[in-house]
Amino acid sequence: MKKKQKTKKSAVKRFKVTKTGKVLFRQQGARHLISKKNKCWLRRKKKLKELVGEYKNKVLRMLGQK
Protein backbone atom coordinates (compact mmCIF):
# COMPACT_ATOMS: atom_id res chain seq x y z
CA MET A 1 0.00 0.00 0.00
CA LYS A 2 1.44 3.35 -1.06
CA LYS A 3 1.58 6.07 1.59
CA LYS A 4 0.53 9.65 0.93
CA GLN A 5 3.19 12.31 1.21
CA LYS A 6 2.68 14.55 4.23
CA THR A 7 3.35 18.26 3.98
CA LYS A 8 6.10 19.71 6.14
CA LYS A 9 4.32 22.03 8.56
CA SER A 10 7.45 24.15 9.03
CA ALA A 11 7.51 24.83 5.29
CA VAL A 12 3.80 25.73 5.25
CA LYS A 13 4.45 28.43 7.85
CA ARG A 14 7.42 29.93 5.98
CA PHE A 15 6.49 29.79 2.29
CA LYS A 16 3.51 30.84 0.18
CA VAL A 17 2.77 29.53 -3.32
CA THR A 18 0.97 31.94 -5.64
CA LYS A 19 -1.59 31.02 -8.27
CA THR A 20 1.04 31.30 -11.02
CA GLY A 21 3.41 28.95 -9.16
CA LYS A 22 5.87 31.42 -7.62
CA VAL A 23 7.19 30.59 -4.16
CA LEU A 24 7.36 33.62 -1.86
CA PHE A 25 9.14 33.96 1.47
CA ARG A 26 9.79 36.61 4.10
CA GLN A 27 13.38 37.80 4.48
CA GLN A 28 15.37 37.45 7.69
CA GLY A 29 16.65 40.22 9.92
CA ALA A 30 13.56 42.34 10.66
CA ARG A 31 12.31 40.71 13.86
CA HIS A 32 14.10 42.35 16.80
CA LEU A 33 16.72 45.01 17.63
CA ILE A 34 15.01 47.16 15.01
CA SER A 35 15.87 50.59 16.48
CA LYS A 36 19.53 50.35 15.50
CA LYS A 37 18.84 49.14 11.94
CA ASN A 38 18.53 51.38 8.91
CA LYS A 39 14.90 52.25 8.11
CA CYS A 40 15.37 51.99 4.35
CA TRP A 41 16.92 48.54 4.81
CA LEU A 42 13.98 47.48 7.04
CA ARG A 43 11.43 48.56 4.43
CA ARG A 44 13.24 46.45 1.84
CA LYS A 45 13.18 43.48 4.22
CA LYS A 46 9.40 43.72 4.76
CA LYS A 47 8.65 42.84 1.12
CA LEU A 48 8.20 39.22 0.16
CA LYS A 49 10.88 37.77 -2.11
CA GLU A 50 10.54 35.12 -4.76
CA LEU A 51 12.40 31.87 -4.31
CA VAL A 52 14.28 30.73 -7.43
CA GLY A 53 16.55 27.90 -8.48
CA GLU A 54 16.80 24.32 -7.28
CA TYR A 55 15.70 25.21 -3.74
CA LYS A 56 12.29 26.21 -5.13
CA ASN A 57 11.70 22.62 -6.28
CA LYS A 58 12.71 21.29 -2.85
CA VAL A 59 10.25 23.61 -1.12
CA LEU A 60 7.46 22.65 -3.53
CA ARG A 61 8.14 19.01 -2.74
CA MET A 62 7.96 19.75 1.00
CA LEU A 63 4.61 21.46 0.45
CA GLY A 64 3.30 18.46 -1.50
CA GLN A 65 2.92 20.48 -4.71
CA LYS A 66 5.36 18.57 -6.93
PDB file of N, CA and C in Angstrom:
ATOM      1  N   MET A   1       0.827  -1.181   0.000  1.00  0.00           N
ATOM      2  CA  MET A   1       0.000   0.000   0.000  1.00  0.00           C
ATOM      3  C   MET A   1       0.876   1.250   0.000  1.00  0.00           C
ATOM      4  N   LYS A   2       0.636   2.141  -0.936  1.00  0.00           N
ATOM      5  CA  LYS A   2       1.439   3.352  -1.061  1.00  0.00           C
ATOM      6  C   LYS A   2       0.966   4.413  -0.068  1.00  0.00           C
ATOM      7  N   LYS A   3       1.924   5.051   0.614  1.00  0.00           N
ATOM      8  CA  LYS A   3       1.578   6.071   1.591  1.00  0.00           C
ATOM      9  C   LYS A   3       1.520   7.438   0.926  1.00  0.00           C
ATOM     10  N   LYS A   4       0.625   8.280   1.424  1.00  0.00           N
ATOM     11  CA  LYS A   4       0.526   9.654   0.928  1.00  0.00           C
ATOM     12  C   LYS A   4       1.651  10.481   1.519  1.00  0.00           C
ATOM     13  N   GLN A   5       2.148  11.420   0.718  1.00  0.00           N
ATOM     14  CA  GLN A   5       3.187  12.307   1.214  1.00  0.00           C
ATOM     15  C   GLN A   5       2.577  13.363   2.125  1.00  0.00           C
ATOM     16  N   LYS A   6       3.167  13.535   3.300  1.00  0.00           N
ATOM     17  CA  LYS A   6       2.682  14.549   4.229  1.00  0.00           C
ATOM     18  C   LYS A   6       3.410  15.857   3.953  1.00  0.00           C
ATOM     19  N   THR A   7       2.709  16.965   4.158  1.00  0.00           N
ATOM     20  CA  THR A   7       3.347  18.261   3.982  1.00  0.00           C
ATOM     21  C   THR A   7       4.159  18.583   5.230  1.00  0.00           C
ATOM     22  N   LYS A   8       5.286  19.260   5.024  1.00  0.00           N
ATOM     23  CA  LYS A   8       6.105  19.712   6.141  1.00  0.00           C
ATOM     24  C   LYS A   8       5.474  20.968   6.709  1.00  0.00           C
ATOM     25  N   LYS A   9       5.023  20.905   7.946  1.00  0.00           N
ATOM     26  CA  LYS A   9       4.317  22.027   8.557  1.00  0.00           C
ATOM     27  C   LYS A   9       5.223  23.237   8.719  1.00  0.00           C
ATOM     28  N   SER A  10       6.524  23.016   8.906  1.00  0.00           N
ATOM     29  CA  SER A  10       7.448  24.147   9.035  1.00  0.00           C
ATOM     30  C   SER A  10       7.540  24.909   7.718  1.00  0.00           C
ATOM     31  N   ALA A  11       7.461  24.192   6.596  1.00  0.00           N
ATOM     32  CA  ALA A  11       7.515  24.833   5.289  1.00  0.00           C
ATOM     33  C   ALA A  11       6.224  25.590   4.995  1.00  0.00           C
ATOM     34  N   VAL A  12       5.099  25.069   5.455  1.00  0.00           N
ATOM     35  CA  VAL A  12       3.805  25.730   5.245  1.00  0.00           C
ATOM     36  C   VAL A  12       3.795  27.099   5.918  1.00  0.00           C
ATOM     37  N   LYS A  13       4.422  27.173   7.105  1.00  0.00           N
ATOM     38  CA  LYS A  13       4.453  28.429   7.850  1.00  0.00           C
ATOM     39  C   LYS A  13       5.383  29.459   7.217  1.00  0.00           C
ATOM     40  N   ARG A  14       6.403  29.019   6.494  1.00  0.00           N
ATOM     41  CA  ARG A  14       7.422  29.929   5.984  1.00  0.00           C
ATOM     42  C   ARG A  14       7.244  30.346   4.533  1.00  0.00           C
ATOM     43  N   PHE A  15       6.590  29.531   3.725  1.00  0.00           N
ATOM     44  CA  PHE A  15       6.494  29.795   2.293  1.00  0.00           C
ATOM     45  C   PHE A  15       5.054  29.902   1.838  1.00  0.00           C
ATOM     46  N   LYS A  16       4.844  30.659   0.758  1.00  0.00           N
ATOM     47  CA  LYS A  16       3.514  30.835   0.183  1.00  0.00           C
ATOM     48  C   LYS A  16       3.633  30.621  -1.323  1.00  0.00           C
ATOM     49  N   VAL A  17       2.766  29.795  -1.882  1.00  0.00           N
ATOM     50  CA  VAL A  17       2.770  29.533  -3.320  1.00  0.00           C
ATOM     51  C   VAL A  17       1.635  30.328  -3.951  1.00  0.00           C
ATOM     52  N   THR A  18       1.979  31.124  -4.970  1.00  0.00           N
ATOM     53  CA  THR A  18       0.973  31.941  -5.644  1.00  0.00           C
ATOM     54  C   THR A  18       0.230  31.102  -6.681  1.00  0.00           C
ATOM     55  N   LYS A  19      -0.782  31.714  -7.262  1.00  0.00           N
ATOM     56  CA  LYS A  19      -1.588  31.021  -8.268  1.00  0.00           C
ATOM     57  C   LYS A  19      -0.766  30.677  -9.515  1.00  0.00           C
ATOM     58  N   THR A  20       0.207  31.528  -9.833  1.00  0.00           N
ATOM     59  CA  THR A  20       1.040  31.299 -11.023  1.00  0.00           C
ATOM     60  C   THR A  20       2.193  30.332 -10.748  1.00  0.00           C
ATOM     61  N   GLY A  21       2.383  29.929  -9.477  1.00  0.00           N
ATOM     62  CA  GLY A  21       3.410  28.947  -9.157  1.00  0.00           C
ATOM     63  C   GLY A  21       4.669  29.524  -8.539  1.00  0.00           C
ATOM     64  N   LYS A  22       4.698  30.829  -8.267  1.00  0.00           N
ATOM     65  CA  LYS A  22       5.866  31.423  -7.620  1.00  0.00           C
ATOM     66  C   LYS A  22       5.861  31.051  -6.142  1.00  0.00           C
ATOM     67  N   VAL A  23       7.050  30.879  -5.588  1.00  0.00           N
ATOM     68  CA  VAL A  23       7.185  30.591  -4.161  1.00  0.00           C
ATOM     69  C   VAL A  23       7.734  31.849  -3.498  1.00  0.00           C
ATOM     70  N   LEU A  24       6.962  32.390  -2.542  1.00  0.00           N
ATOM     71  CA  LEU A  24       7.361  33.620  -1.858  1.00  0.00           C
ATOM     72  C   LEU A  24       7.756  33.314  -0.430  1.00  0.00           C
ATOM     73  N   PHE A  25       8.700  34.119   0.089  1.00  0.00           N
ATOM     74  CA  PHE A  25       9.137  33.955   1.472  1.00  0.00           C
ATOM     75  C   PHE A  25       9.479  35.312   2.065  1.00  0.00           C
ATOM     76  N   ARG A  26       9.439  35.377   3.388  1.00  0.00           N
ATOM     77  CA  ARG A  26       9.791  36.608   4.102  1.00  0.00           C
ATOM     78  C   ARG A  26      11.279  36.579   4.431  1.00  0.00           C
ATOM     79  N   GLN A  27      11.944  37.724   4.247  1.00  0.00           N
ATOM     80  CA  GLN A  27      13.379  37.798   4.484  1.00  0.00           C
ATOM     81  C   GLN A  27      13.709  37.847   5.970  1.00  0.00           C
ATOM     82  N   GLN A  28      14.927  37.454   6.310  1.00  0.00           N
ATOM     83  CA  GLN A  28      15.369  37.452   7.692  1.00  0.00           C
ATOM     84  C   GLN A  28      15.877  38.829   8.112  1.00  0.00           C
ATOM     85  N   GLY A  29      15.976  39.032   9.402  1.00  0.00           N
ATOM     86  CA  GLY A  29      16.649  40.217   9.924  1.00  0.00           C
ATOM     87  C   GLY A  29      15.762  41.356  10.378  1.00  0.00           C
ATOM     88  N   ALA A  30      14.433  41.226  10.285  1.00  0.00           N
ATOM     89  CA  ALA A  30      13.558  42.343  10.658  1.00  0.00           C
ATOM     90  C   ALA A  30      12.651  41.976  11.829  1.00  0.00           C
ATOM     91  N   ARG A  31      13.137  41.174  12.748  1.00  0.00           N
ATOM     92  CA  ARG A  31      12.308  40.712  13.858  1.00  0.00           C
ATOM     93  C   ARG A  31      12.544  41.502  15.147  1.00  0.00           C
ATOM     94  N   HIS A  32      13.808  41.674  15.533  1.00  0.00           N
ATOM     95  CA  HIS A  32      14.099  42.347  16.798  1.00  0.00           C
ATOM     96  C   HIS A  32      15.341  43.219  16.637  1.00  0.00           C
ATOM     97  N   LEU A  33      15.629  44.023  17.654  1.00  0.00           N
ATOM     98  CA  LEU A  33      16.725  45.006  17.629  1.00  0.00           C
ATOM     99  C   LEU A  33      16.572  45.952  16.439  1.00  0.00           C
ATOM    100  N   ILE A  34      15.341  46.392  16.207  1.00  0.00           N
ATOM    101  CA  ILE A  34      15.010  47.165  15.012  1.00  0.00           C
ATOM    102  C   ILE A  34      15.500  48.618  15.108  1.00  0.00           C
ATOM    103  N   SER A  35      15.558  49.172  16.334  1.00  0.00           N
ATOM    104  CA  SER A  35      15.869  50.592  16.482  1.00  0.00           C
ATOM    105  C   SER A  35      17.246  50.961  15.934  1.00  0.00           C
ATOM    106  N   LYS A  36      18.187  50.035  15.979  1.00  0.00           N
ATOM    107  CA  LYS A  36      19.535  50.352  15.496  1.00  0.00           C
ATOM    108  C   LYS A  36      19.726  50.039  14.007  1.00  0.00           C
ATOM    109  N   LYS A  37      18.705  49.487  13.361  1.00  0.00           N
ATOM    110  CA  LYS A  37      18.838  49.135  11.945  1.00  0.00           C
ATOM    111  C   LYS A  37      18.326  50.264  11.048  1.00  0.00           C
ATOM    112  N   ASN A  38      18.883  50.350   9.872  1.00  0.00           N
ATOM    113  CA  ASN A  38      18.529  51.380   8.906  1.00  0.00           C
ATOM    114  C   ASN A  38      17.085  51.219   8.448  1.00  0.00           C
ATOM    115  N   LYS A  39      16.331  52.312   8.436  1.00  0.00           N
ATOM    116  CA  LYS A  39      14.897  52.255   8.110  1.00  0.00           C
ATOM    117  C   LYS A  39      14.652  51.865   6.657  1.00  0.00           C
ATOM    118  N   CYS A  40      15.493  52.340   5.769  1.00  0.00           N
ATOM    119  CA  CYS A  40      15.374  51.990   4.346  1.00  0.00           C
ATOM    120  C   CYS A  40      15.603  50.492   4.164  1.00  0.00           C
ATOM    121  N   TRP A  41      16.583  49.970   4.863  1.00  0.00           N
ATOM    122  CA  TRP A  41      16.916  48.544   4.815  1.00  0.00           C
ATOM    123  C   TRP A  41      15.753  47.706   5.348  1.00  0.00           C
ATOM    124  N   LEU A  42      15.118  48.206   6.457  1.00  0.00           N
ATOM    125  CA  LEU A  42      13.984  47.485   7.043  1.00  0.00           C
ATOM    126  C   LEU A  42      12.791  47.447   6.097  1.00  0.00           C
ATOM    127  N   ARG A  43      12.536  48.545   5.391  1.00  0.00           N
ATOM    128  CA  ARG A  43      11.425  48.564   4.426  1.00  0.00           C
ATOM    129  C   ARG A  43      11.659  47.562   3.309  1.00  0.00           C
ATOM    130  N   ARG A  44      12.895  47.442   2.877  1.00  0.00           N
ATOM    131  CA  ARG A  44      13.239  46.450   1.842  1.00  0.00           C
ATOM    132  C   ARG A  44      13.012  45.032   2.358  1.00  0.00           C
ATOM    133  N   LYS A  45      13.320  44.805   3.628  1.00  0.00           N
ATOM    134  CA  LYS A  45      13.179  43.479   4.218  1.00  0.00           C
ATOM    135  C   LYS A  45      11.721  43.068   4.408  1.00  0.00           C
ATOM    136  N   LYS A  46      10.812  44.030   4.525  1.00  0.00           N
ATOM    137  CA  LYS A  46       9.396  43.721   4.755  1.00  0.00           C
ATOM    138  C   LYS A  46       8.734  43.083   3.536  1.00  0.00           C
ATOM    139  N   LYS A  47       9.253  43.360   2.346  1.00  0.00           N
ATOM    140  CA  LYS A  47       8.651  42.844   1.122  1.00  0.00           C
ATOM    141  C   LYS A  47       8.951  41.348   0.970  1.00  0.00           C
ATOM    142  N   LEU A  48       7.992  40.637   0.425  1.00  0.00           N
ATOM    143  CA  LEU A  48       8.197  39.216   0.156  1.00  0.00           C
ATOM    144  C   LEU A  48       9.114  39.055  -1.049  1.00  0.00           C
ATOM    145  N   LYS A  49       9.982  38.055  -0.996  1.00  0.00           N
ATOM    146  CA  LYS A  49      10.880  37.775  -2.106  1.00  0.00           C
ATOM    147  C   LYS A  49      10.495  36.457  -2.752  1.00  0.00           C
ATOM    148  N   GLU A  50      10.827  36.358  -4.030  1.00  0.00           N
ATOM    149  CA  GLU A  50      10.535  35.119  -4.761  1.00  0.00           C
ATOM    150  C   GLU A  50      11.707  34.163  -4.644  1.00  0.00           C
ATOM    151  N   LEU A  51      11.390  32.909  -4.414  1.00  0.00           N
ATOM    152  CA  LEU A  51      12.401  31.868  -4.313  1.00  0.00           C
ATOM    153  C   LEU A  51      12.665  31.322  -5.712  1.00  0.00           C
ATOM    154  N   VAL A  52      13.934  31.207  -6.099  1.00  0.00           N
ATOM    155  CA  VAL A  52      14.283  30.726  -7.429  1.00  0.00           C
ATOM    156  C   VAL A  52      15.331  29.619  -7.328  1.00  0.00           C
ATOM    157  N   GLY A  53      15.517  28.917  -8.422  1.00  0.00           N
ATOM    158  CA  GLY A  53      16.553  27.895  -8.477  1.00  0.00           C
ATOM    159  C   GLY A  53      16.089  26.534  -7.996  1.00  0.00           C
ATOM    160  N   GLU A  54      17.061  25.696  -7.674  1.00  0.00           N
ATOM    161  CA  GLU A  54      16.797  24.318  -7.281  1.00  0.00           C
ATOM    162  C   GLU A  54      16.079  24.244  -5.934  1.00  0.00           C
ATOM    163  N   TYR A  55      16.327  25.224  -5.064  1.00  0.00           N
ATOM    164  CA  TYR A  55      15.701  25.208  -3.744  1.00  0.00           C
ATOM    165  C   TYR A  55      14.188  25.370  -3.855  1.00  0.00           C
ATOM    166  N   LYS A  56      13.730  26.036  -4.901  1.00  0.00           N
ATOM    167  CA  LYS A  56      12.286  26.206  -5.127  1.00  0.00           C
ATOM    168  C   LYS A  56      11.616  24.842  -5.306  1.00  0.00           C
ATOM    169  N   ASN A  57      12.249  23.961  -6.058  1.00  0.00           N
ATOM    170  CA  ASN A  57      11.699  22.620  -6.278  1.00  0.00           C
ATOM    171  C   ASN A  57      11.654  21.816  -4.980  1.00  0.00           C
ATOM    172  N   LYS A  58      12.692  21.981  -4.121  1.00  0.00           N
ATOM    173  CA  LYS A  58      12.707  21.293  -2.846  1.00  0.00           C
ATOM    174  C   LYS A  58      11.561  21.751  -1.960  1.00  0.00           C
ATOM    175  N   VAL A  59      11.322  23.057  -1.950  1.00  0.00           N
ATOM    176  CA  VAL A  59      10.248  23.608  -1.121  1.00  0.00           C
ATOM    177  C   VAL A  59       8.896  23.142  -1.637  1.00  0.00           C
ATOM    178  N   LEU A  60       8.711  23.134  -2.952  1.00  0.00           N
ATOM    179  CA  LEU A  60       7.457  22.653  -3.535  1.00  0.00           C
ATOM    180  C   LEU A  60       7.208  21.199  -3.165  1.00  0.00           C
ATOM    181  N   ARG A  61       8.269  20.404  -3.127  1.00  0.00           N
ATOM    182  CA  ARG A  61       8.135  19.010  -2.736  1.00  0.00           C
ATOM    183  C   ARG A  61       7.730  18.889  -1.262  1.00  0.00           C
ATOM    184  N   MET A  62       8.315  19.753  -0.426  1.00  0.00           N
ATOM    185  CA  MET A  62       7.956  19.747   0.998  1.00  0.00           C
ATOM    186  C   MET A  62       6.496  20.134   1.216  1.00  0.00           C
ATOM    187  N   LEU A  63       5.989  21.014   0.331  1.00  0.00           N
ATOM    188  CA  LEU A  63       4.614  21.463   0.447  1.00  0.00           C
ATOM    189  C   LEU A  63       3.633  20.476  -0.211  1.00  0.00           C
ATOM    190  N   GLY A  64       4.150  19.451  -0.849  1.00  0.00           N
ATOM    191  CA  GLY A  64       3.298  18.464  -1.497  1.00  0.00           C
ATOM    192  C   GLY A  64       2.724  18.946  -2.822  1.00  0.00           C
ATOM    193  N   GLN A  65       3.397  19.904  -3.465  1.00  0.00           N
ATOM    194  CA  GLN A  65       2.918  20.480  -4.714  1.00  0.00           C
ATOM    195  C   GLN A  65       3.501  19.789  -5.939  1.00  0.00           C
ATOM    196  N   LYS A  66       4.661  19.148  -5.772  1.00  0.00           N
ATOM    197  CA  LYS A  66       5.355  18.573  -6.926  1.00  0.00           C
ATOM    198  C   LYS A  66       5.670  17.115  -6.701  1.00  0.00           C
TER     199      LYS A  66
END
